N, C-alpha and C. Protein backbone atom coordinates (compact mmCIF):
# COMPACT_ATOMS: atom_id res chain seq x y z
N MET A 1 122.79 116.86 95.22
CA MET A 1 123.18 115.47 95.52
C MET A 1 123.26 115.29 97.03
N CYS A 2 122.72 114.19 97.54
CA CYS A 2 122.74 113.97 98.98
C CYS A 2 124.15 113.65 99.44
N LYS A 3 124.44 113.96 100.68
CA LYS A 3 125.76 113.74 101.24
C LYS A 3 126.12 112.26 101.21
N SER A 4 125.12 111.40 101.45
CA SER A 4 125.36 109.96 101.48
C SER A 4 125.84 109.46 100.14
N ALA A 5 125.31 110.04 99.06
CA ALA A 5 125.58 109.53 97.72
C ALA A 5 126.95 109.94 97.21
N GLN A 6 127.57 110.92 97.83
CA GLN A 6 128.81 111.44 97.30
C GLN A 6 129.96 110.46 97.45
N ASN A 7 129.83 109.53 98.38
CA ASN A 7 130.97 108.66 98.65
C ASN A 7 130.52 107.24 98.97
N TYR A 8 129.50 106.74 98.25
CA TYR A 8 129.05 105.39 98.56
C TYR A 8 130.06 104.36 98.03
N LYS A 9 130.09 103.25 98.67
CA LYS A 9 130.98 102.17 98.24
C LYS A 9 130.21 100.87 98.29
N GLN A 10 130.60 99.93 97.44
CA GLN A 10 129.94 98.62 97.41
C GLN A 10 130.59 97.70 98.43
N ASN A 11 129.76 97.03 99.24
CA ASN A 11 130.27 96.13 100.27
C ASN A 11 129.57 94.79 100.12
N ASN A 12 130.24 93.84 99.45
CA ASN A 12 129.67 92.51 99.28
C ASN A 12 129.87 91.70 100.54
N ARG A 13 128.78 91.16 101.07
CA ARG A 13 128.86 90.38 102.30
C ARG A 13 128.31 88.99 102.03
N VAL A 14 129.20 88.04 101.92
CA VAL A 14 128.79 86.68 101.63
C VAL A 14 129.39 85.76 102.67
N THR A 15 128.56 84.98 103.31
CA THR A 15 129.06 84.05 104.32
C THR A 15 129.04 82.63 103.77
N GLN A 16 130.08 81.87 104.07
CA GLN A 16 130.15 80.47 103.68
C GLN A 16 130.42 79.65 104.93
N GLY A 17 129.60 78.66 105.16
CA GLY A 17 129.77 77.84 106.35
C GLY A 17 129.56 78.65 107.61
N ASN A 18 130.59 78.68 108.48
CA ASN A 18 130.47 79.38 109.76
C ASN A 18 131.17 80.74 109.76
N ASP A 19 131.44 81.29 108.58
CA ASP A 19 132.09 82.59 108.51
C ASP A 19 131.11 83.69 108.88
N GLN A 20 131.02 84.01 110.16
CA GLN A 20 130.05 84.98 110.64
C GLN A 20 130.50 86.42 110.46
N GLN A 21 131.77 86.63 110.09
CA GLN A 21 132.25 87.99 109.94
C GLN A 21 131.56 88.72 108.80
N SER A 22 131.03 87.97 107.83
CA SER A 22 130.40 88.60 106.67
C SER A 22 128.89 88.72 106.81
N SER A 23 128.33 88.22 107.89
CA SER A 23 126.88 88.25 108.05
C SER A 23 126.36 89.65 108.27
N ILE A 24 125.23 89.96 107.67
CA ILE A 24 124.59 91.25 107.91
C ILE A 24 123.83 91.13 109.22
N ALA A 25 124.11 92.02 110.13
CA ALA A 25 123.50 91.92 111.46
C ALA A 25 123.46 93.30 112.09
N GLY A 26 122.84 93.36 113.28
CA GLY A 26 122.81 94.60 114.03
C GLY A 26 122.11 95.72 113.30
N SER A 27 122.75 96.90 113.33
CA SER A 27 122.14 98.08 112.72
C SER A 27 122.00 97.94 111.22
N ASP A 28 122.94 97.21 110.56
CA ASP A 28 122.83 96.97 109.13
C ASP A 28 121.54 96.23 108.80
N LYS A 29 121.22 95.23 109.61
CA LYS A 29 119.99 94.47 109.38
C LYS A 29 118.77 95.35 109.58
N ASP A 30 118.75 96.12 110.63
CA ASP A 30 117.61 97.01 110.90
C ASP A 30 117.41 97.99 109.75
N THR A 31 118.51 98.56 109.25
CA THR A 31 118.42 99.51 108.15
C THR A 31 117.95 98.82 106.88
N ALA A 32 118.43 97.60 106.63
CA ALA A 32 118.02 96.85 105.45
C ALA A 32 116.52 96.55 105.49
N LEU A 33 116.02 96.19 106.66
CA LEU A 33 114.58 95.92 106.80
C LEU A 33 113.76 97.18 106.60
N ALA A 34 114.23 98.29 107.16
CA ALA A 34 113.52 99.56 106.98
C ALA A 34 113.52 99.98 105.52
N LEU A 35 114.66 99.80 104.84
CA LEU A 35 114.77 100.16 103.44
C LEU A 35 113.84 99.30 102.59
N PHE A 36 113.77 98.02 102.91
CA PHE A 36 112.87 97.11 102.20
C PHE A 36 111.42 97.56 102.34
N SER A 37 111.01 97.89 103.55
CA SER A 37 109.63 98.31 103.80
C SER A 37 109.31 99.62 103.09
N ILE A 38 110.19 100.60 103.24
CA ILE A 38 109.94 101.93 102.67
C ILE A 38 109.92 101.88 101.15
N CYS A 39 110.93 101.24 100.55
CA CYS A 39 111.02 101.21 99.09
C CYS A 39 109.85 100.46 98.47
N THR A 40 109.40 99.39 99.12
CA THR A 40 108.26 98.64 98.59
C THR A 40 106.98 99.45 98.69
N CYS A 41 106.74 100.05 99.84
CA CYS A 41 105.49 100.81 100.03
C CYS A 41 105.46 102.11 99.24
N GLU A 42 106.61 102.55 98.74
CA GLU A 42 106.63 103.72 97.87
C GLU A 42 105.88 103.47 96.57
N GLN A 43 105.65 102.22 96.24
CA GLN A 43 104.95 101.88 95.00
C GLN A 43 103.44 101.99 95.13
N ILE A 44 102.93 102.21 96.33
CA ILE A 44 101.48 102.33 96.53
C ILE A 44 100.93 103.51 95.74
N GLY A 45 101.57 104.67 95.87
CA GLY A 45 101.11 105.87 95.17
C GLY A 45 101.09 105.71 93.67
N PRO A 46 102.20 105.29 93.04
CA PRO A 46 102.20 105.08 91.59
C PRO A 46 101.18 104.06 91.13
N CYS A 47 101.00 102.99 91.92
CA CYS A 47 100.01 101.98 91.57
C CYS A 47 98.61 102.58 91.56
N PHE A 48 98.29 103.35 92.59
CA PHE A 48 96.98 104.00 92.70
C PHE A 48 96.75 104.97 91.54
N ARG A 49 97.76 105.77 91.22
CA ARG A 49 97.61 106.74 90.13
C ARG A 49 97.45 106.04 88.79
N ASN A 50 98.21 104.97 88.57
CA ASN A 50 98.08 104.23 87.31
C ASN A 50 96.68 103.67 87.15
N ALA A 51 96.13 103.16 88.24
CA ALA A 51 94.78 102.58 88.19
C ALA A 51 93.73 103.65 87.94
N MET A 52 93.78 104.73 88.70
CA MET A 52 92.73 105.75 88.64
C MET A 52 92.78 106.58 87.36
N THR A 53 93.92 106.64 86.69
CA THR A 53 94.01 107.40 85.45
C THR A 53 93.75 106.56 84.21
N SER A 54 93.45 105.28 84.42
CA SER A 54 93.09 104.44 83.27
C SER A 54 91.72 104.87 82.75
N PRO A 55 91.49 104.77 81.44
CA PRO A 55 90.19 105.17 80.87
C PRO A 55 89.00 104.50 81.54
N LEU A 56 89.15 103.21 81.88
CA LEU A 56 88.04 102.48 82.51
C LEU A 56 87.69 103.10 83.86
N TYR A 57 88.69 103.36 84.69
CA TYR A 57 88.41 103.87 86.03
C TYR A 57 87.96 105.32 86.01
N LEU A 58 88.44 106.09 85.06
CA LEU A 58 87.94 107.45 84.90
C LEU A 58 86.46 107.43 84.53
N ALA A 59 86.09 106.49 83.65
CA ALA A 59 84.69 106.36 83.24
C ALA A 59 83.81 105.92 84.41
N ILE A 60 84.31 104.98 85.22
CA ILE A 60 83.55 104.52 86.38
C ILE A 60 83.36 105.65 87.38
N THR A 61 84.41 106.42 87.61
CA THR A 61 84.31 107.54 88.55
C THR A 61 83.29 108.56 88.07
N LEU A 62 83.33 108.88 86.79
CA LEU A 62 82.37 109.84 86.23
C LEU A 62 80.95 109.29 86.30
N ALA A 63 80.79 108.00 86.00
CA ALA A 63 79.46 107.38 86.03
C ALA A 63 78.88 107.42 87.45
N LEU A 64 79.70 107.17 88.45
CA LEU A 64 79.23 107.21 89.83
C LEU A 64 78.84 108.63 90.24
N CYS A 65 79.59 109.59 89.75
CA CYS A 65 79.27 110.99 90.04
C CYS A 65 77.92 111.37 89.43
N VAL A 66 77.70 110.95 88.19
CA VAL A 66 76.43 111.23 87.51
C VAL A 66 75.29 110.49 88.19
N ALA A 67 75.54 109.23 88.58
CA ALA A 67 74.50 108.45 89.25
C ALA A 67 74.08 109.11 90.55
N GLY A 68 75.06 109.60 91.31
CA GLY A 68 74.75 110.29 92.55
C GLY A 68 73.94 111.55 92.31
N TYR A 69 74.28 112.27 91.26
CA TYR A 69 73.55 113.50 90.93
C TYR A 69 72.12 113.19 90.53
N LEU A 70 71.94 112.09 89.76
CA LEU A 70 70.60 111.71 89.33
C LEU A 70 69.74 111.24 90.49
N LEU A 71 70.38 110.82 91.57
CA LEU A 71 69.62 110.46 92.76
C LEU A 71 69.09 111.70 93.47
N GLY A 72 69.46 112.86 92.96
CA GLY A 72 68.92 114.11 93.48
C GLY A 72 69.66 114.68 94.65
N SER A 73 70.93 114.28 94.81
CA SER A 73 71.69 114.76 95.97
C SER A 73 73.13 115.05 95.57
N VAL A 74 73.59 116.24 95.87
CA VAL A 74 74.99 116.59 95.64
C VAL A 74 75.89 115.73 96.53
N LEU A 75 75.39 115.42 97.72
CA LEU A 75 76.16 114.58 98.64
C LEU A 75 76.47 113.23 98.02
N TRP A 76 75.46 112.60 97.42
CA TRP A 76 75.67 111.31 96.77
C TRP A 76 76.60 111.45 95.57
N ALA A 77 76.52 112.56 94.87
CA ALA A 77 77.38 112.79 93.71
C ALA A 77 78.85 112.87 94.12
N VAL A 78 79.08 113.27 95.36
CA VAL A 78 80.45 113.32 95.89
C VAL A 78 80.82 112.02 96.59
N LEU A 79 79.87 111.47 97.34
CA LEU A 79 80.14 110.31 98.19
C LEU A 79 80.42 109.05 97.38
N LEU A 80 79.61 108.78 96.35
CA LEU A 80 79.78 107.55 95.58
C LEU A 80 81.17 107.46 94.92
N PRO A 81 81.61 108.49 94.18
CA PRO A 81 82.96 108.39 93.61
C PRO A 81 84.05 108.40 94.67
N ALA A 82 83.80 109.07 95.81
CA ALA A 82 84.81 109.09 96.88
C ALA A 82 85.01 107.69 97.46
N VAL A 83 83.92 106.97 97.65
CA VAL A 83 84.02 105.59 98.15
C VAL A 83 84.77 104.72 97.16
N TRP A 84 84.47 104.89 95.88
CA TRP A 84 85.14 104.13 94.83
C TRP A 84 86.65 104.41 94.82
N VAL A 85 87.01 105.68 94.87
CA VAL A 85 88.42 106.06 94.86
C VAL A 85 89.13 105.52 96.11
N GLY A 86 88.47 105.62 97.26
CA GLY A 86 89.05 105.11 98.49
C GLY A 86 89.26 103.60 98.44
N PHE A 87 88.32 102.90 97.81
CA PHE A 87 88.43 101.45 97.70
C PHE A 87 89.61 101.05 96.82
N ILE A 88 89.82 101.77 95.73
CA ILE A 88 90.95 101.47 94.85
C ILE A 88 92.27 101.78 95.55
N TYR A 89 92.28 102.84 96.36
CA TYR A 89 93.50 103.13 97.11
C TYR A 89 93.79 102.00 98.11
N TYR A 90 92.74 101.49 98.74
CA TYR A 90 92.92 100.37 99.67
C TYR A 90 93.53 99.17 98.94
N CYS A 91 93.04 98.88 97.75
CA CYS A 91 93.58 97.75 96.98
C CYS A 91 95.06 97.97 96.65
N SER A 92 95.41 99.19 96.25
CA SER A 92 96.80 99.51 95.94
C SER A 92 97.67 99.36 97.19
N TYR A 93 97.16 99.84 98.31
CA TYR A 93 97.89 99.75 99.57
C TYR A 93 98.09 98.30 99.99
N GLU A 94 97.02 97.53 99.94
CA GLU A 94 97.09 96.14 100.39
C GLU A 94 97.99 95.30 99.51
N LEU A 95 98.05 95.62 98.23
CA LEU A 95 98.90 94.88 97.30
C LEU A 95 100.35 94.89 97.76
N TYR A 96 100.85 96.05 98.11
CA TYR A 96 102.26 96.16 98.49
C TYR A 96 102.49 95.93 99.98
N ASP A 97 101.54 96.34 100.80
CA ASP A 97 101.70 96.14 102.24
C ASP A 97 101.68 94.65 102.58
N SER A 98 100.86 93.87 101.90
CA SER A 98 100.83 92.42 102.16
C SER A 98 102.15 91.77 101.76
N TYR A 99 102.78 92.29 100.72
CA TYR A 99 104.09 91.79 100.29
C TYR A 99 105.13 92.05 101.38
N VAL A 100 105.11 93.26 101.92
CA VAL A 100 106.06 93.60 102.99
C VAL A 100 105.82 92.74 104.22
N ARG A 101 104.57 92.61 104.64
CA ARG A 101 104.25 91.81 105.83
C ARG A 101 104.72 90.38 105.68
N GLU A 102 104.46 89.80 104.52
CA GLU A 102 104.81 88.39 104.31
C GLU A 102 106.32 88.17 104.35
N HIS A 103 107.08 89.04 103.71
CA HIS A 103 108.52 88.82 103.64
C HIS A 103 109.26 89.25 104.90
N LEU A 104 108.70 90.19 105.65
CA LEU A 104 109.27 90.49 106.96
C LEU A 104 109.05 89.33 107.92
N ARG A 105 107.99 88.57 107.68
CA ARG A 105 107.67 87.41 108.51
C ARG A 105 108.49 86.20 108.12
N THR A 106 108.95 86.13 106.87
CA THR A 106 109.63 84.94 106.37
C THR A 106 111.11 85.20 106.10
N ASP A 107 111.50 85.38 104.84
CA ASP A 107 112.92 85.42 104.50
C ASP A 107 113.68 86.59 105.10
N MET A 108 113.07 87.78 105.19
CA MET A 108 113.79 88.94 105.70
C MET A 108 113.94 88.91 107.22
N GLN A 109 113.23 88.02 107.87
CA GLN A 109 113.35 87.89 109.32
C GLN A 109 114.72 87.32 109.71
N ASP A 110 115.26 86.48 108.84
CA ASP A 110 116.57 85.86 109.10
C ASP A 110 117.41 85.97 107.83
N ILE A 111 118.02 87.12 107.62
CA ILE A 111 118.80 87.34 106.41
C ILE A 111 120.00 86.41 106.32
N PRO A 112 120.81 86.25 107.37
CA PRO A 112 121.93 85.31 107.27
C PRO A 112 121.49 83.89 106.96
N GLY A 113 120.43 83.43 107.60
CA GLY A 113 119.98 82.06 107.39
C GLY A 113 119.40 81.82 106.01
N ASN A 114 118.74 82.82 105.44
CA ASN A 114 118.08 82.64 104.15
C ASN A 114 118.89 83.10 102.95
N TYR A 115 119.88 83.96 103.17
CA TYR A 115 120.63 84.50 102.04
C TYR A 115 122.14 84.31 102.14
N LEU A 116 122.65 83.87 103.29
CA LEU A 116 124.09 83.77 103.45
C LEU A 116 124.55 82.40 103.94
N SER A 117 123.66 81.44 103.95
CA SER A 117 124.00 80.13 104.49
C SER A 117 124.51 79.16 103.43
N ARG A 118 124.41 79.52 102.14
CA ARG A 118 124.90 78.66 101.07
C ARG A 118 125.87 79.45 100.19
N PRO A 119 126.90 78.79 99.66
CA PRO A 119 127.90 79.51 98.86
C PRO A 119 127.36 80.13 97.58
N ASP A 120 126.25 79.60 97.06
CA ASP A 120 125.68 80.14 95.83
C ASP A 120 124.61 81.19 96.08
N ASP A 121 124.42 81.59 97.33
CA ASP A 121 123.50 82.68 97.67
C ASP A 121 124.31 83.89 98.12
N CYS A 122 123.70 85.05 98.04
CA CYS A 122 124.42 86.26 98.41
C CYS A 122 123.45 87.36 98.83
N PHE A 123 123.83 88.12 99.85
CA PHE A 123 123.10 89.33 100.22
C PHE A 123 124.14 90.41 100.45
N TRP A 124 123.98 91.54 99.81
CA TRP A 124 124.97 92.60 99.97
C TRP A 124 124.29 93.94 100.23
N VAL A 125 125.11 94.85 100.75
CA VAL A 125 124.62 96.20 101.00
C VAL A 125 125.58 97.20 100.36
N ALA A 126 125.04 98.33 99.93
CA ALA A 126 125.86 99.46 99.47
C ALA A 126 125.90 100.47 100.61
N GLU A 127 127.10 100.92 100.94
CA GLU A 127 127.28 101.81 102.08
C GLU A 127 128.07 103.05 101.70
N ALA A 128 127.97 104.07 102.53
CA ALA A 128 128.80 105.27 102.40
C ALA A 128 129.16 105.75 103.79
N GLU A 129 130.32 106.37 103.89
CA GLU A 129 130.73 106.99 105.15
C GLU A 129 130.01 108.33 105.28
N VAL A 130 129.21 108.49 106.31
CA VAL A 130 128.50 109.74 106.58
C VAL A 130 128.80 110.14 108.02
N ASP A 131 129.48 111.26 108.17
CA ASP A 131 129.88 111.73 109.51
C ASP A 131 130.66 110.67 110.27
N GLY A 132 131.51 109.96 109.52
CA GLY A 132 132.37 108.95 110.14
C GLY A 132 131.71 107.63 110.43
N ARG A 133 130.45 107.47 110.04
CA ARG A 133 129.74 106.22 110.29
C ARG A 133 129.20 105.67 108.98
N PRO A 134 129.21 104.33 108.81
CA PRO A 134 128.66 103.75 107.59
C PRO A 134 127.14 103.86 107.55
N GLU A 135 126.61 104.22 106.40
CA GLU A 135 125.16 104.32 106.22
C GLU A 135 124.74 103.44 105.05
N VAL A 136 123.77 102.57 105.27
CA VAL A 136 123.28 101.67 104.22
C VAL A 136 122.40 102.46 103.26
N LEU A 137 122.76 102.41 101.97
CA LEU A 137 122.03 103.13 100.93
C LEU A 137 121.25 102.22 100.01
N GLY A 138 121.62 100.95 99.96
CA GLY A 138 120.93 100.03 99.07
C GLY A 138 121.23 98.59 99.43
N THR A 139 120.40 97.69 98.93
CA THR A 139 120.59 96.26 99.17
C THR A 139 120.29 95.47 97.91
N GLY A 140 120.75 94.26 97.89
CA GLY A 140 120.43 93.34 96.81
C GLY A 140 120.74 91.92 97.25
N ALA A 141 120.18 90.95 96.57
CA ALA A 141 120.41 89.55 96.94
C ALA A 141 120.30 88.66 95.71
N VAL A 142 120.96 87.53 95.78
CA VAL A 142 120.84 86.48 94.76
C VAL A 142 120.61 85.17 95.49
N VAL A 143 119.62 84.42 95.02
CA VAL A 143 119.34 83.09 95.55
C VAL A 143 119.43 82.10 94.40
N VAL A 144 120.15 81.01 94.61
CA VAL A 144 120.30 80.02 93.55
C VAL A 144 119.01 79.22 93.38
N LYS A 145 118.65 78.94 92.14
CA LYS A 145 117.51 78.11 91.80
C LYS A 145 117.98 77.00 90.87
N HIS A 146 117.39 75.82 91.01
CA HIS A 146 117.79 74.66 90.21
C HIS A 146 116.71 74.30 89.20
N SER A 147 117.13 74.05 87.97
CA SER A 147 116.23 73.60 86.91
C SER A 147 116.91 72.45 86.19
N GLY A 148 116.59 71.23 86.64
CA GLY A 148 117.30 70.07 86.11
C GLY A 148 118.75 70.11 86.57
N LYS A 149 119.67 70.01 85.61
CA LYS A 149 121.09 70.07 85.94
C LYS A 149 121.63 71.50 85.93
N GLU A 150 120.81 72.43 85.47
CA GLU A 150 121.25 73.82 85.39
C GLU A 150 120.90 74.59 86.66
N LYS A 151 121.71 75.59 86.93
CA LYS A 151 121.44 76.51 88.04
C LYS A 151 121.30 77.92 87.49
N HIS A 152 120.36 78.66 88.06
CA HIS A 152 120.26 80.07 87.69
C HIS A 152 120.08 80.90 88.95
N GLY A 153 120.37 82.17 88.84
CA GLY A 153 120.27 83.07 89.98
C GLY A 153 118.98 83.86 89.97
N TRP A 154 118.36 83.98 91.15
CA TRP A 154 117.16 84.79 91.32
C TRP A 154 117.58 86.10 91.99
N LEU A 155 117.54 87.19 91.24
CA LEU A 155 117.95 88.49 91.74
C LEU A 155 116.76 89.15 92.45
N CYS A 156 116.95 89.51 93.70
CA CYS A 156 115.82 90.04 94.48
C CYS A 156 116.32 91.04 95.53
N ARG A 157 115.38 91.59 96.28
CA ARG A 157 115.64 92.56 97.35
C ARG A 157 116.47 93.74 96.86
N MET A 158 116.20 94.16 95.61
CA MET A 158 116.90 95.31 95.04
C MET A 158 116.24 96.59 95.54
N MET A 159 116.89 97.25 96.48
CA MET A 159 116.35 98.46 97.09
C MET A 159 117.42 99.55 97.11
N VAL A 160 117.02 100.77 96.76
CA VAL A 160 117.92 101.92 96.79
C VAL A 160 117.23 103.05 97.54
N SER A 161 117.94 103.65 98.48
CA SER A 161 117.39 104.77 99.24
C SER A 161 116.95 105.88 98.29
N GLN A 162 115.79 106.46 98.57
CA GLN A 162 115.22 107.47 97.69
C GLN A 162 116.16 108.64 97.45
N GLN A 163 116.90 109.03 98.47
CA GLN A 163 117.78 110.19 98.35
C GLN A 163 118.97 109.95 97.43
N CYS A 164 119.22 108.69 97.09
CA CYS A 164 120.40 108.36 96.29
C CYS A 164 120.05 107.71 94.96
N ARG A 165 118.86 107.94 94.47
CA ARG A 165 118.47 107.38 93.18
C ARG A 165 118.95 108.27 92.04
N ARG A 166 118.99 107.68 90.84
CA ARG A 166 119.45 108.36 89.63
C ARG A 166 120.92 108.76 89.73
N LEU A 167 121.67 108.01 90.51
CA LEU A 167 123.10 108.27 90.66
C LEU A 167 123.94 107.06 90.26
N GLY A 168 123.29 106.05 89.68
CA GLY A 168 124.00 104.86 89.24
C GLY A 168 124.12 103.77 90.28
N LEU A 169 123.58 103.99 91.47
CA LEU A 169 123.69 102.98 92.52
C LEU A 169 122.87 101.74 92.20
N GLY A 170 121.65 101.93 91.68
CA GLY A 170 120.82 100.79 91.32
C GLY A 170 121.48 99.94 90.26
N ARG A 171 122.08 100.59 89.27
CA ARG A 171 122.79 99.86 88.22
C ARG A 171 123.96 99.07 88.79
N ARG A 172 124.68 99.69 89.72
CA ARG A 172 125.83 99.01 90.31
C ARG A 172 125.39 97.80 91.13
N LEU A 173 124.32 97.93 91.88
CA LEU A 173 123.81 96.81 92.66
C LEU A 173 123.38 95.66 91.75
N ALA A 174 122.64 95.99 90.68
CA ALA A 174 122.18 94.96 89.75
C ALA A 174 123.36 94.28 89.06
N GLN A 175 124.35 95.08 88.65
CA GLN A 175 125.51 94.50 87.98
C GLN A 175 126.30 93.61 88.92
N THR A 176 126.35 93.96 90.19
CA THR A 176 127.01 93.11 91.18
C THR A 176 126.34 91.74 91.23
N GLY A 177 125.00 91.73 91.19
CA GLY A 177 124.27 90.47 91.19
C GLY A 177 124.54 89.66 89.94
N VAL A 178 124.58 90.32 88.79
CA VAL A 178 124.86 89.62 87.52
C VAL A 178 126.27 89.04 87.55
N ASP A 179 127.24 89.82 88.01
CA ASP A 179 128.63 89.33 88.08
C ASP A 179 128.75 88.14 89.03
N PHE A 180 128.03 88.19 90.15
CA PHE A 180 128.05 87.08 91.09
C PHE A 180 127.54 85.80 90.42
N CYS A 181 126.46 85.93 89.64
CA CYS A 181 125.89 84.77 88.95
C CYS A 181 126.85 84.22 87.90
N LYS A 182 127.56 85.11 87.20
CA LYS A 182 128.55 84.66 86.21
C LYS A 182 129.66 83.89 86.88
N GLU A 183 130.14 84.39 88.02
CA GLU A 183 131.22 83.72 88.75
C GLU A 183 130.81 82.33 89.20
N ARG A 184 129.52 82.15 89.49
CA ARG A 184 129.03 80.85 89.95
C ARG A 184 128.68 79.92 88.78
N GLY A 185 128.80 80.39 87.56
CA GLY A 185 128.51 79.55 86.40
C GLY A 185 127.04 79.32 86.16
N PHE A 186 126.19 80.24 86.61
CA PHE A 186 124.75 80.10 86.39
C PHE A 186 124.43 80.30 84.92
N SER A 187 123.34 79.70 84.47
CA SER A 187 122.94 79.80 83.07
C SER A 187 122.25 81.11 82.75
N LYS A 188 121.61 81.71 83.77
CA LYS A 188 120.88 82.96 83.54
C LYS A 188 120.60 83.63 84.89
N VAL A 189 120.14 84.87 84.80
CA VAL A 189 119.69 85.62 85.98
C VAL A 189 118.22 85.95 85.76
N VAL A 190 117.40 85.71 86.77
CA VAL A 190 115.95 85.95 86.69
C VAL A 190 115.55 86.92 87.79
N LEU A 191 114.62 87.79 87.49
CA LEU A 191 114.08 88.70 88.50
C LEU A 191 112.63 89.00 88.19
N GLU A 192 111.95 89.58 89.16
CA GLU A 192 110.57 90.03 88.96
C GLU A 192 110.43 91.46 89.45
N THR A 193 109.65 92.23 88.72
CA THR A 193 109.31 93.59 89.12
C THR A 193 107.87 93.84 88.69
N SER A 194 107.32 94.97 89.07
CA SER A 194 105.91 95.23 88.79
C SER A 194 105.73 96.31 87.74
N SER A 195 104.52 96.41 87.23
CA SER A 195 104.20 97.37 86.18
C SER A 195 104.27 98.81 86.67
N THR A 196 104.31 99.02 87.97
CA THR A 196 104.42 100.38 88.51
C THR A 196 105.88 100.84 88.61
N GLN A 197 106.80 99.93 88.35
CA GLN A 197 108.22 100.24 88.49
C GLN A 197 108.91 100.30 87.12
N MET A 198 108.39 101.12 86.24
CA MET A 198 108.92 101.21 84.89
C MET A 198 110.36 101.74 84.84
N PRO A 199 110.78 102.65 85.73
CA PRO A 199 112.20 103.02 85.72
C PRO A 199 113.11 101.82 85.99
N ALA A 200 112.68 100.92 86.87
CA ALA A 200 113.46 99.71 87.14
C ALA A 200 113.48 98.81 85.91
N VAL A 201 112.34 98.68 85.23
CA VAL A 201 112.28 97.88 84.01
C VAL A 201 113.25 98.44 82.97
N ALA A 202 113.28 99.76 82.82
CA ALA A 202 114.18 100.40 81.86
C ALA A 202 115.64 100.12 82.22
N LEU A 203 115.97 100.17 83.51
CA LEU A 203 117.33 99.88 83.95
C LEU A 203 117.71 98.45 83.62
N TYR A 204 116.83 97.51 83.93
CA TYR A 204 117.13 96.10 83.66
C TYR A 204 117.26 95.85 82.16
N ASN A 205 116.48 96.53 81.35
CA ASN A 205 116.62 96.40 79.89
C ASN A 205 118.01 96.83 79.44
N LYS A 206 118.52 97.92 80.01
CA LYS A 206 119.85 98.41 79.66
C LYS A 206 120.93 97.42 80.05
N LEU A 207 120.66 96.62 81.08
CA LEU A 207 121.63 95.63 81.54
C LEU A 207 121.50 94.30 80.80
N GLY A 208 120.61 94.24 79.82
CA GLY A 208 120.47 93.04 79.01
C GLY A 208 119.34 92.12 79.39
N PHE A 209 118.51 92.52 80.34
CA PHE A 209 117.34 91.72 80.71
C PHE A 209 116.20 91.98 79.73
N SER A 210 115.35 91.00 79.58
CA SER A 210 114.15 91.16 78.75
C SER A 210 112.97 90.50 79.45
N ILE A 211 111.78 91.04 79.21
CA ILE A 211 110.56 90.48 79.80
C ILE A 211 110.21 89.18 79.10
N VAL A 212 110.07 88.11 79.85
CA VAL A 212 109.76 86.80 79.27
C VAL A 212 108.37 86.31 79.66
N ALA A 213 107.77 86.92 80.68
CA ALA A 213 106.43 86.50 81.11
C ALA A 213 105.83 87.58 81.99
N SER A 214 104.53 87.53 82.15
CA SER A 214 103.83 88.43 83.07
C SER A 214 102.74 87.63 83.78
N HIS A 215 102.41 88.05 84.99
CA HIS A 215 101.39 87.35 85.76
C HIS A 215 100.82 88.28 86.81
N THR A 216 99.82 87.82 87.54
CA THR A 216 99.19 88.63 88.58
C THR A 216 99.16 87.90 89.92
N GLU A 217 100.08 86.95 90.10
CA GLU A 217 100.14 86.20 91.35
C GLU A 217 101.03 86.93 92.36
N THR A 218 100.46 87.35 93.48
CA THR A 218 101.21 88.01 94.54
C THR A 218 100.74 87.48 95.89
N GLU A 219 101.25 88.09 96.95
CA GLU A 219 100.82 87.72 98.30
C GLU A 219 99.40 88.17 98.59
N ALA A 220 98.90 89.14 97.83
CA ALA A 220 97.54 89.66 98.02
C ALA A 220 96.53 88.79 97.28
N PRO A 221 95.26 88.80 97.71
CA PRO A 221 94.22 88.07 96.99
C PRO A 221 94.12 88.53 95.53
N SER A 222 93.70 87.65 94.66
CA SER A 222 93.68 87.94 93.22
C SER A 222 92.77 89.12 92.89
N TRP A 223 91.67 89.29 93.64
CA TRP A 223 90.75 90.38 93.33
C TRP A 223 91.38 91.74 93.64
N ILE A 224 92.26 91.78 94.63
CA ILE A 224 92.96 93.03 94.94
C ILE A 224 93.93 93.39 93.82
N VAL A 225 94.66 92.39 93.33
CA VAL A 225 95.58 92.63 92.22
C VAL A 225 94.82 93.09 90.98
N LEU A 226 93.67 92.47 90.75
CA LEU A 226 92.85 92.82 89.59
C LEU A 226 92.38 94.27 89.67
N LEU A 227 91.85 94.67 90.83
CA LEU A 227 91.33 96.02 90.98
C LEU A 227 92.45 97.06 91.02
N ALA A 228 93.62 96.68 91.50
CA ALA A 228 94.77 97.60 91.50
C ALA A 228 95.39 97.71 90.11
N ARG A 229 94.96 96.84 89.20
CA ARG A 229 95.44 96.85 87.81
C ARG A 229 96.97 96.74 87.75
N ALA A 230 97.51 95.86 88.58
CA ALA A 230 98.96 95.67 88.62
C ALA A 230 99.33 94.37 87.91
N THR A 231 100.49 94.37 87.31
CA THR A 231 101.02 93.20 86.62
C THR A 231 102.46 92.98 87.06
N MET A 232 102.83 91.73 87.30
CA MET A 232 104.20 91.39 87.64
C MET A 232 104.93 90.95 86.37
N PHE A 233 106.11 91.51 86.15
CA PHE A 233 106.93 91.15 85.00
C PHE A 233 108.06 90.24 85.45
N ARG A 234 108.24 89.14 84.73
CA ARG A 234 109.42 88.30 84.94
C ARG A 234 110.43 88.62 83.85
N MET A 235 111.66 88.91 84.27
CA MET A 235 112.71 89.29 83.33
C MET A 235 113.89 88.34 83.47
N GLU A 236 114.58 88.10 82.34
CA GLU A 236 115.72 87.18 82.33
C GLU A 236 116.88 87.79 81.57
N LYS A 237 118.06 87.36 81.97
CA LYS A 237 119.28 87.69 81.23
C LYS A 237 120.10 86.42 81.10
N LYS A 238 120.35 86.00 79.88
CA LYS A 238 121.16 84.81 79.64
C LYS A 238 122.62 85.13 79.89
N LEU A 239 123.32 84.17 80.48
CA LEU A 239 124.74 84.36 80.78
C LEU A 239 125.61 83.46 79.91
């Protein structure tokens, strides 16, 4: 068990009006941004493996290898499938890297302004004392959404440091978001995750969420999502 995980504590930081004491800033903000980037880009590898181990892509790789061999060159037999594999890795990389670039440019650039400026929004961090200093281990956020007269919470920015996973921190962060939505009288909690994050899907299922829709709309071009064979899951929990 990592030293950080032995003594983590939940620190809800919600600002209302001009209450700047609760704003995430300084080193906390820098760590939150780094955690967002690292945790998101960690999905590149699983996405690539899921795509390349599919029966279709295995068949394409084999076909390219055979085609290169039939061209009478061992070099082509190696080069053609290598180019194909490299191209699929690029698609997997661009899928998640474009997501990081877009959100670092928009909402994550100003966390207090986008997540702490309204009473029905929230951004929090999970921290632990490490060598006498607080260390950010995870983040989460809720943004209010309106549907007619009803309000629901959008649970997002759920990130947990790799060294502290499988210790219940992700569950605690998600439950904090659900409890926040209940306190605000929201009708439901909604979130999105991807097909490469099945451990997260399993966690949300245990918390009472269920998949209600799937789509392939992301910050990346549609052809990249198609070739990366990724699917976005929308999950809901009624309150």
